[in-house]
Amino acid sequence: MRWLWLVWAGGLLVSCGVVGPPVAPEDVGVAPVIERQKRQDAVGAKQRETTEVEPVKELPDPEVDLLPLRPVGTR
C-alpha cells in the first residue's frame, strides 16, 4: 500500500507544472502586443490604399413627388 501511495504522489509531483513549450520573454507583455497591432494596421493601410474605391451612387432627384407618409381618408 505504501508503494502505491509513493507512486501516486510521485506521479502527481511530476505532472505539476506548465504544459506546452516554453515562451520566449520577448513575446510576453504589452509591448510585443502593441508592436504586432501596429504591424497589422500598417499592412491593413497598405491594402486599403491598393484597393479600388467604388464610385458614389447618385441620389434620386429630390423634386420627385413622393407619397404622403400618412394617407388621409383610408382605413
N, C-alpha and C. Protein backbone atom coordinates (compact mmCIF):
# COMPACT_ATOMS: atom_id res chain seq x y z
N MET A 1 0.82 -1.18 0.00
CA MET A 1 0.00 0.00 0.00
C MET A 1 0.88 1.27 0.00
N ARG A 2 1.96 1.22 0.75
CA ARG A 2 2.86 2.36 0.81
C ARG A 2 3.49 2.60 -0.57
N TRP A 3 3.80 1.54 -1.28
CA TRP A 3 4.40 1.63 -2.61
C TRP A 3 3.43 2.33 -3.57
N LEU A 4 2.16 1.98 -3.53
CA LEU A 4 1.15 2.60 -4.37
C LEU A 4 1.02 4.09 -4.04
N TRP A 5 1.06 4.41 -2.77
CA TRP A 5 0.96 5.81 -2.35
C TRP A 5 2.16 6.62 -2.86
N LEU A 6 3.35 6.07 -2.80
CA LEU A 6 4.54 6.76 -3.29
C LEU A 6 4.51 6.95 -4.80
N VAL A 7 4.04 5.94 -5.53
CA VAL A 7 3.93 6.06 -6.99
C VAL A 7 2.91 7.14 -7.34
N TRP A 8 1.79 7.16 -6.64
CA TRP A 8 0.76 8.17 -6.90
C TRP A 8 1.28 9.57 -6.59
N ALA A 9 1.96 9.76 -5.45
CA ALA A 9 2.50 11.06 -5.08
C ALA A 9 3.60 11.49 -6.05
N GLY A 10 4.44 10.57 -6.49
CA GLY A 10 5.48 10.89 -7.46
C GLY A 10 4.89 11.30 -8.80
N GLY A 11 3.86 10.59 -9.24
CA GLY A 11 3.20 10.96 -10.49
C GLY A 11 2.54 12.32 -10.40
N LEU A 12 1.93 12.63 -9.27
CA LEU A 12 1.30 13.93 -9.08
C LEU A 12 2.35 15.03 -9.07
N LEU A 13 3.48 14.78 -8.43
CA LEU A 13 4.55 15.76 -8.36
C LEU A 13 5.14 16.03 -9.74
N VAL A 14 5.31 15.00 -10.53
CA VAL A 14 5.88 15.16 -11.87
C VAL A 14 4.89 15.86 -12.80
N SER A 15 3.60 15.61 -12.61
CA SER A 15 2.61 16.19 -13.52
C SER A 15 2.32 17.65 -13.25
N CYS A 16 2.75 18.18 -12.12
CA CYS A 16 2.53 19.59 -11.83
C CYS A 16 3.48 20.45 -12.66
N GLY A 17 2.99 21.52 -13.20
CA GLY A 17 3.84 22.41 -13.99
C GLY A 17 3.09 22.90 -15.21
N VAL A 18 3.80 23.62 -16.04
CA VAL A 18 3.22 24.21 -17.23
C VAL A 18 3.26 23.21 -18.36
N VAL A 19 2.14 23.10 -19.05
CA VAL A 19 2.07 22.19 -20.19
C VAL A 19 2.34 22.99 -21.44
N GLY A 20 3.22 22.52 -22.29
CA GLY A 20 3.49 23.19 -23.55
C GLY A 20 4.93 23.66 -23.64
N PRO A 21 5.28 24.17 -24.81
CA PRO A 21 6.65 24.63 -24.99
C PRO A 21 6.90 25.93 -24.23
N PRO A 22 8.14 26.21 -23.91
CA PRO A 22 8.44 27.45 -23.20
C PRO A 22 8.20 28.67 -24.10
N VAL A 23 7.85 29.79 -23.49
CA VAL A 23 7.57 31.02 -24.22
C VAL A 23 8.75 31.96 -24.05
N ALA A 24 9.20 32.52 -25.15
CA ALA A 24 10.33 33.45 -25.09
C ALA A 24 9.92 34.72 -24.35
N PRO A 25 10.79 35.31 -23.56
CA PRO A 25 10.42 36.51 -22.81
C PRO A 25 10.13 37.71 -23.70
N GLU A 26 10.62 37.69 -24.96
CA GLU A 26 10.35 38.79 -25.87
C GLU A 26 8.90 38.81 -26.32
N ASP A 27 8.19 37.68 -26.19
CA ASP A 27 6.82 37.57 -26.64
C ASP A 27 5.81 37.78 -25.53
N VAL A 28 6.27 38.12 -24.33
CA VAL A 28 5.39 38.27 -23.18
C VAL A 28 5.28 39.75 -22.82
N GLY A 29 4.08 40.19 -22.53
CA GLY A 29 3.89 41.56 -22.08
C GLY A 29 3.07 42.38 -23.06
N VAL A 30 2.99 43.66 -22.78
CA VAL A 30 2.15 44.56 -23.55
C VAL A 30 2.87 45.09 -24.78
N ALA A 31 4.15 45.36 -24.67
CA ALA A 31 4.91 45.96 -25.77
C ALA A 31 4.87 45.10 -27.04
N PRO A 32 5.09 43.78 -26.97
CA PRO A 32 5.02 42.97 -28.19
C PRO A 32 3.62 42.97 -28.81
N VAL A 33 2.59 43.03 -27.98
CA VAL A 33 1.22 43.05 -28.50
C VAL A 33 0.98 44.34 -29.25
N ILE A 34 1.44 45.46 -28.71
CA ILE A 34 1.26 46.76 -29.36
C ILE A 34 2.01 46.79 -30.69
N GLU A 35 3.23 46.29 -30.71
CA GLU A 35 4.00 46.27 -31.96
C GLU A 35 3.34 45.39 -33.00
N ARG A 36 2.78 44.25 -32.59
CA ARG A 36 2.08 43.35 -33.51
C ARG A 36 0.85 44.06 -34.11
N GLN A 37 0.11 44.80 -33.27
CA GLN A 37 -1.05 45.53 -33.75
C GLN A 37 -0.65 46.64 -34.71
N LYS A 38 0.46 47.32 -34.44
CA LYS A 38 0.93 48.37 -35.34
C LYS A 38 1.29 47.79 -36.70
N ARG A 39 1.95 46.62 -36.70
CA ARG A 39 2.29 45.98 -37.97
C ARG A 39 1.04 45.60 -38.74
N GLN A 40 0.03 45.07 -38.03
CA GLN A 40 -1.22 44.69 -38.70
C GLN A 40 -1.92 45.93 -39.26
N ASP A 41 -1.90 47.04 -38.52
CA ASP A 41 -2.51 48.28 -39.01
C ASP A 41 -1.80 48.79 -40.26
N ALA A 42 -0.47 48.69 -40.27
CA ALA A 42 0.29 49.15 -41.43
C ALA A 42 -0.04 48.30 -42.65
N VAL A 43 -0.13 47.00 -42.47
CA VAL A 43 -0.48 46.11 -43.57
C VAL A 43 -1.90 46.40 -44.06
N GLY A 44 -2.81 46.63 -43.13
CA GLY A 44 -4.19 46.95 -43.50
C GLY A 44 -4.28 48.26 -44.24
N ALA A 45 -3.49 49.25 -43.85
CA ALA A 45 -3.50 50.55 -44.54
C ALA A 45 -2.97 50.40 -45.96
N LYS A 46 -1.94 49.60 -46.15
CA LYS A 46 -1.41 49.38 -47.50
C LYS A 46 -2.44 48.67 -48.37
N GLN A 47 -3.16 47.72 -47.80
CA GLN A 47 -4.19 47.01 -48.57
C GLN A 47 -5.33 47.96 -48.93
N ARG A 48 -5.70 48.86 -48.01
CA ARG A 48 -6.77 49.81 -48.29
C ARG A 48 -6.35 50.79 -49.39
N GLU A 49 -5.06 51.15 -49.44
CA GLU A 49 -4.58 52.06 -50.47
C GLU A 49 -4.60 51.39 -51.84
N THR A 50 -4.34 50.10 -51.89
CA THR A 50 -4.26 49.42 -53.18
C THR A 50 -5.63 49.01 -53.72
N THR A 51 -6.64 48.92 -52.88
CA THR A 51 -7.96 48.52 -53.36
C THR A 51 -8.63 49.69 -54.05
N GLU A 52 -9.45 49.35 -55.05
CA GLU A 52 -10.16 50.39 -55.79
C GLU A 52 -11.39 50.82 -55.01
N VAL A 53 -11.69 52.10 -55.11
CA VAL A 53 -12.85 52.65 -54.42
C VAL A 53 -14.01 52.69 -55.40
N GLU A 54 -15.18 52.21 -54.94
CA GLU A 54 -16.35 52.22 -55.79
C GLU A 54 -16.87 53.65 -55.93
N PRO A 55 -17.36 53.99 -57.11
CA PRO A 55 -17.92 55.36 -57.27
C PRO A 55 -19.18 55.52 -56.43
N VAL A 56 -19.41 56.73 -56.00
CA VAL A 56 -20.58 57.02 -55.16
C VAL A 56 -21.82 57.02 -56.05
N LYS A 57 -22.84 56.31 -55.62
CA LYS A 57 -24.08 56.26 -56.38
C LYS A 57 -24.83 57.58 -56.20
N GLU A 58 -25.42 58.05 -57.28
CA GLU A 58 -26.15 59.31 -57.21
C GLU A 58 -27.48 59.10 -56.51
N LEU A 59 -27.88 60.09 -55.76
CA LEU A 59 -29.16 60.05 -55.06
C LEU A 59 -30.28 60.36 -56.05
N PRO A 60 -31.49 59.89 -55.77
CA PRO A 60 -32.60 60.19 -56.68
C PRO A 60 -32.90 61.69 -56.68
N ASP A 61 -33.57 62.13 -57.75
CA ASP A 61 -33.89 63.54 -57.90
C ASP A 61 -34.76 64.00 -56.72
N PRO A 62 -34.38 65.08 -56.01
CA PRO A 62 -35.15 65.49 -54.83
C PRO A 62 -36.51 66.10 -55.17
N GLU A 63 -36.76 66.43 -56.43
CA GLU A 63 -38.02 67.05 -56.80
C GLU A 63 -39.08 66.03 -57.21
N VAL A 64 -38.83 64.76 -57.01
CA VAL A 64 -39.80 63.73 -57.34
C VAL A 64 -40.88 63.73 -56.26
N ASP A 65 -42.16 63.72 -56.68
CA ASP A 65 -43.26 63.71 -55.72
C ASP A 65 -43.36 62.33 -55.07
N LEU A 66 -43.30 62.32 -53.77
CA LEU A 66 -43.40 61.07 -53.02
C LEU A 66 -44.79 60.95 -52.42
N LEU A 67 -45.18 59.74 -52.07
CA LEU A 67 -46.46 59.51 -51.44
C LEU A 67 -46.44 60.11 -50.03
N PRO A 68 -47.62 60.56 -49.54
CA PRO A 68 -47.64 61.10 -48.18
C PRO A 68 -47.36 59.98 -47.17
N LEU A 69 -46.75 60.36 -46.06
CA LEU A 69 -46.41 59.36 -45.04
C LEU A 69 -47.66 58.83 -44.36
N ARG A 70 -48.66 59.70 -44.16
CA ARG A 70 -49.89 59.27 -43.50
C ARG A 70 -51.06 59.56 -44.44
N PRO A 71 -51.50 58.54 -45.16
CA PRO A 71 -52.60 58.77 -46.09
C PRO A 71 -53.86 59.24 -45.34
N VAL A 72 -54.61 60.14 -45.94
CA VAL A 72 -55.82 60.70 -45.31
C VAL A 72 -57.02 60.05 -45.96
N GLY A 73 -58.00 59.66 -45.15
CA GLY A 73 -59.26 59.15 -45.66
C GLY A 73 -59.27 57.65 -45.91
N THR A 74 -58.27 56.92 -45.53
CA THR A 74 -58.27 55.46 -45.71
C THR A 74 -58.21 54.79 -44.35
N ARG A 75 -58.69 53.58 -44.32
CA ARG A 75 -58.63 52.82 -43.08
C ARG A 75 -57.72 51.65 -43.21
